[in-house]
Amino acid sequence: MFYEYGMGPHLMHGFGHFLFILLMIAGIFMLIRYFKRGKYKGYCHEKSEAMTLLETRYVQGEIDRDEYMAKKDDLEGKIPIGETT
């Protein structure tokens, strides 16, 4: 059928290469997203015991918002702007 138009059996061969390259790009993109999120971010839905305790103390009024945010950032491994380690 395709031989009549000069396409021959290589029509699907080119499409196969295109599909292979497209799948490779998608796979690389997914790997980058996986490693960028980190080992536990995005895939682990459990809160640490320390975070739960911190939220409880904040809700009960034992600590104010600024202290809560500072300790939360510390537990999440974030360094506030202007501070160095």
N, C-alpha and C. Protein backbone atom coordinates (compact mmCIF):
# COMPACT_ATOMS: atom_id res chain seq x y z
N MET A 1 0.82 -1.18 0.00
CA MET A 1 0.00 0.00 0.00
C MET A 1 0.87 1.25 0.00
N PHE A 2 1.84 1.36 0.94
CA PHE A 2 2.70 2.54 0.99
C PHE A 2 3.77 2.52 -0.09
N TYR A 3 4.02 1.34 -0.64
CA TYR A 3 5.03 1.23 -1.68
C TYR A 3 4.66 2.04 -2.91
N GLU A 4 3.36 2.20 -3.14
CA GLU A 4 2.89 2.92 -4.32
C GLU A 4 3.28 4.40 -4.24
N TYR A 5 3.39 4.94 -3.05
CA TYR A 5 3.67 6.36 -2.88
C TYR A 5 5.14 6.62 -2.56
N GLY A 6 5.98 5.59 -2.60
CA GLY A 6 7.40 5.75 -2.36
C GLY A 6 7.78 5.80 -0.89
N MET A 7 6.86 5.46 -0.01
CA MET A 7 7.16 5.53 1.42
C MET A 7 7.87 4.26 1.90
N GLY A 8 7.51 3.14 1.40
CA GLY A 8 8.15 1.88 1.75
C GLY A 8 7.97 1.52 3.22
N PRO A 9 8.70 0.53 3.66
CA PRO A 9 8.56 0.07 5.04
C PRO A 9 9.24 0.99 6.06
N HIS A 10 9.92 2.02 5.60
CA HIS A 10 10.65 2.90 6.51
C HIS A 10 9.78 3.97 7.14
N LEU A 11 8.52 4.04 6.76
CA LEU A 11 7.62 5.03 7.34
C LEU A 11 7.50 4.81 8.85
N MET A 12 7.23 3.58 9.27
CA MET A 12 7.08 3.29 10.69
C MET A 12 8.43 3.30 11.40
N HIS A 13 9.50 3.07 10.66
CA HIS A 13 10.83 3.09 11.24
C HIS A 13 11.14 4.49 11.78
N GLY A 14 10.83 5.51 11.03
CA GLY A 14 11.04 6.89 11.47
C GLY A 14 10.15 7.26 12.64
N PHE A 15 8.91 6.81 12.60
CA PHE A 15 7.98 7.06 13.69
C PHE A 15 8.45 6.37 14.96
N GLY A 16 9.02 5.19 14.82
CA GLY A 16 9.55 4.46 15.97
C GLY A 16 10.68 5.22 16.64
N HIS A 17 11.55 5.81 15.84
CA HIS A 17 12.64 6.62 16.40
C HIS A 17 12.09 7.84 17.12
N PHE A 18 11.13 8.48 16.51
CA PHE A 18 10.50 9.65 17.13
C PHE A 18 9.87 9.27 18.47
N LEU A 19 9.15 8.16 18.50
CA LEU A 19 8.51 7.71 19.73
C LEU A 19 9.54 7.36 20.80
N PHE A 20 10.62 6.71 20.40
CA PHE A 20 11.69 6.36 21.33
C PHE A 20 12.32 7.61 21.94
N ILE A 21 12.62 8.60 21.14
CA ILE A 21 13.21 9.85 21.63
C ILE A 21 12.24 10.57 22.56
N LEU A 22 10.97 10.59 22.19
CA LEU A 22 9.95 11.22 23.03
C LEU A 22 9.86 10.54 24.39
N LEU A 23 9.89 9.21 24.41
CA LEU A 23 9.84 8.47 25.68
C LEU A 23 11.11 8.70 26.51
N MET A 24 12.24 8.80 25.87
CA MET A 24 13.49 9.08 26.58
C MET A 24 13.45 10.46 27.24
N ILE A 25 12.96 11.45 26.53
CA ILE A 25 12.85 12.81 27.08
C ILE A 25 11.89 12.81 28.26
N ALA A 26 10.76 12.13 28.12
CA ALA A 26 9.80 12.06 29.22
C ALA A 26 10.41 11.36 30.43
N GLY A 27 11.17 10.30 30.21
CA GLY A 27 11.81 9.58 31.31
C GLY A 27 12.83 10.44 32.02
N ILE A 28 13.63 11.17 31.27
CA ILE A 28 14.62 12.06 31.88
C ILE A 28 13.93 13.15 32.68
N PHE A 29 12.87 13.71 32.14
CA PHE A 29 12.11 14.74 32.84
C PHE A 29 11.56 14.21 34.16
N MET A 30 11.03 13.00 34.15
CA MET A 30 10.47 12.41 35.37
C MET A 30 11.58 12.13 36.40
N LEU A 31 12.74 11.69 35.96
CA LEU A 31 13.85 11.46 36.88
C LEU A 31 14.32 12.77 37.51
N ILE A 32 14.40 13.82 36.72
CA ILE A 32 14.80 15.13 37.26
C ILE A 32 13.80 15.58 38.31
N ARG A 33 12.52 15.44 38.04
CA ARG A 33 11.50 15.83 39.03
C ARG A 33 11.61 15.01 40.29
N TYR A 34 11.87 13.71 40.16
CA TYR A 34 11.98 12.83 41.32
C TYR A 34 13.16 13.25 42.20
N PHE A 35 14.32 13.48 41.59
CA PHE A 35 15.49 13.84 42.38
C PHE A 35 15.43 15.27 42.89
N LYS A 36 14.73 16.14 42.18
CA LYS A 36 14.61 17.53 42.63
C LYS A 36 13.73 17.63 43.87
N ARG A 37 12.71 16.80 43.94
CA ARG A 37 11.84 16.81 45.11
C ARG A 37 12.55 16.33 46.36
N GLY A 38 13.51 15.50 46.20
CA GLY A 38 14.23 14.97 47.34
C GLY A 38 13.67 13.62 47.73
N LYS A 39 14.32 13.05 48.71
CA LYS A 39 13.98 11.69 49.10
C LYS A 39 12.62 11.60 49.77
N TYR A 40 12.27 12.58 50.57
CA TYR A 40 11.04 12.48 51.35
C TYR A 40 9.98 13.50 50.97
N LYS A 41 10.35 14.56 50.30
CA LYS A 41 9.37 15.59 49.96
C LYS A 41 8.47 15.11 48.84
N GLY A 42 7.18 15.27 49.00
CA GLY A 42 6.23 14.93 47.96
C GLY A 42 5.77 13.48 47.98
N TYR A 43 6.53 12.59 48.59
CA TYR A 43 6.15 11.19 48.58
C TYR A 43 5.82 10.68 49.97
N CYS A 44 6.29 11.34 50.98
CA CYS A 44 6.03 10.92 52.36
C CYS A 44 4.99 11.87 52.94
N HIS A 45 3.86 11.34 53.32
CA HIS A 45 2.77 12.17 53.81
C HIS A 45 2.69 12.21 55.33
N GLU A 46 3.58 11.49 56.00
CA GLU A 46 3.57 11.48 57.45
C GLU A 46 4.38 12.65 57.98
N LYS A 47 3.87 13.29 59.04
CA LYS A 47 4.60 14.36 59.68
C LYS A 47 5.50 13.76 60.74
N SER A 48 6.61 14.42 60.97
CA SER A 48 7.51 13.95 62.01
C SER A 48 6.87 14.24 63.37
N GLU A 49 7.35 13.53 64.37
CA GLU A 49 6.84 13.72 65.73
C GLU A 49 7.14 15.14 66.21
N ALA A 50 8.30 15.66 65.83
CA ALA A 50 8.68 17.01 66.23
C ALA A 50 7.74 18.05 65.62
N MET A 51 7.38 17.87 64.34
CA MET A 51 6.47 18.82 63.69
C MET A 51 5.09 18.77 64.32
N THR A 52 4.63 17.58 64.65
CA THR A 52 3.33 17.44 65.31
C THR A 52 3.33 18.14 66.67
N LEU A 53 4.41 17.97 67.43
CA LEU A 53 4.53 18.61 68.74
C LEU A 53 4.58 20.13 68.58
N LEU A 54 5.32 20.60 67.59
CA LEU A 54 5.41 22.04 67.33
C LEU A 54 4.04 22.62 67.00
N GLU A 55 3.28 21.95 66.14
CA GLU A 55 1.94 22.43 65.79
C GLU A 55 1.02 22.43 67.00
N THR A 56 1.14 21.42 67.83
CA THR A 56 0.32 21.35 69.05
C THR A 56 0.63 22.52 69.97
N ARG A 57 1.90 22.82 70.16
CA ARG A 57 2.30 23.94 71.02
C ARG A 57 1.80 25.26 70.46
N TYR A 58 1.82 25.41 69.14
CA TYR A 58 1.35 26.64 68.51
C TYR A 58 -0.16 26.80 68.67
N VAL A 59 -0.88 25.73 68.46
CA VAL A 59 -2.34 25.77 68.58
C VAL A 59 -2.76 26.07 70.02
N GLN A 60 -2.05 25.53 70.98
CA GLN A 60 -2.38 25.75 72.38
C GLN A 60 -1.92 27.11 72.90
N GLY A 61 -1.19 27.86 72.08
CA GLY A 61 -0.77 29.20 72.45
C GLY A 61 0.51 29.25 73.26
N GLU A 62 1.23 28.16 73.35
CA GLU A 62 2.48 28.14 74.12
C GLU A 62 3.59 28.92 73.42
N ILE A 63 3.54 28.99 72.09
CA ILE A 63 4.53 29.76 71.32
C ILE A 63 3.79 30.67 70.35
N ASP A 64 4.44 31.78 69.99
CA ASP A 64 3.80 32.72 69.06
C ASP A 64 4.13 32.33 67.61
N ARG A 65 3.56 33.08 66.67
CA ARG A 65 3.70 32.74 65.25
C ARG A 65 5.15 32.82 64.79
N ASP A 66 5.86 33.87 65.22
CA ASP A 66 7.26 34.01 64.78
C ASP A 66 8.11 32.84 65.24
N GLU A 67 7.93 32.43 66.50
CA GLU A 67 8.70 31.29 67.01
C GLU A 67 8.30 30.01 66.28
N TYR A 68 7.00 29.87 66.01
CA TYR A 68 6.52 28.69 65.28
C TYR A 68 7.14 28.61 63.89
N MET A 69 7.12 29.75 63.17
CA MET A 69 7.67 29.75 61.80
C MET A 69 9.17 29.48 61.81
N ALA A 70 9.89 30.06 62.78
CA ALA A 70 11.33 29.84 62.86
C ALA A 70 11.64 28.37 63.13
N LYS A 71 10.93 27.77 64.06
CA LYS A 71 11.18 26.36 64.39
C LYS A 71 10.72 25.44 63.25
N LYS A 72 9.64 25.81 62.57
CA LYS A 72 9.17 25.02 61.43
C LYS A 72 10.20 25.04 60.31
N ASP A 73 10.73 26.23 60.02
CA ASP A 73 11.78 26.34 58.99
C ASP A 73 13.01 25.53 59.38
N ASP A 74 13.34 25.54 60.66
CA ASP A 74 14.49 24.78 61.14
C ASP A 74 14.26 23.28 60.96
N LEU A 75 13.07 22.82 61.28
CA LEU A 75 12.76 21.39 61.12
C LEU A 75 12.74 20.97 59.66
N GLU A 76 12.32 21.87 58.78
CA GLU A 76 12.26 21.56 57.35
C GLU A 76 13.61 21.78 56.66
N GLY A 77 14.58 22.29 57.42
CA GLY A 77 15.92 22.48 56.84
C GLY A 77 16.07 23.77 56.07
N LYS A 78 15.17 24.72 56.26
CA LYS A 78 15.26 26.00 55.58
C LYS A 78 16.02 26.98 56.48
N ILE A 79 16.80 27.85 55.87
CA ILE A 79 17.52 28.88 56.61
C ILE A 79 16.86 30.21 56.27
N PRO A 80 16.39 30.95 57.28
CA PRO A 80 15.77 32.25 57.00
C PRO A 80 16.75 33.21 56.33
N ILE A 81 16.23 34.15 55.56
CA ILE A 81 17.04 35.14 54.85
C ILE A 81 17.80 36.00 55.86
N GLY A 82 19.07 36.21 55.60
CA GLY A 82 19.89 37.04 56.46
C GLY A 82 20.69 36.25 57.48
N GLU A 83 20.40 34.99 57.67
CA GLU A 83 21.14 34.17 58.62
C GLU A 83 22.11 33.29 57.87
N THR A 84 23.25 33.05 58.48
CA THR A 84 24.23 32.15 57.89
C THR A 84 24.59 31.08 58.88
N THR A 85 25.11 30.00 58.35
CA THR A 85 25.51 28.91 59.25
C THR A 85 27.01 28.71 59.19
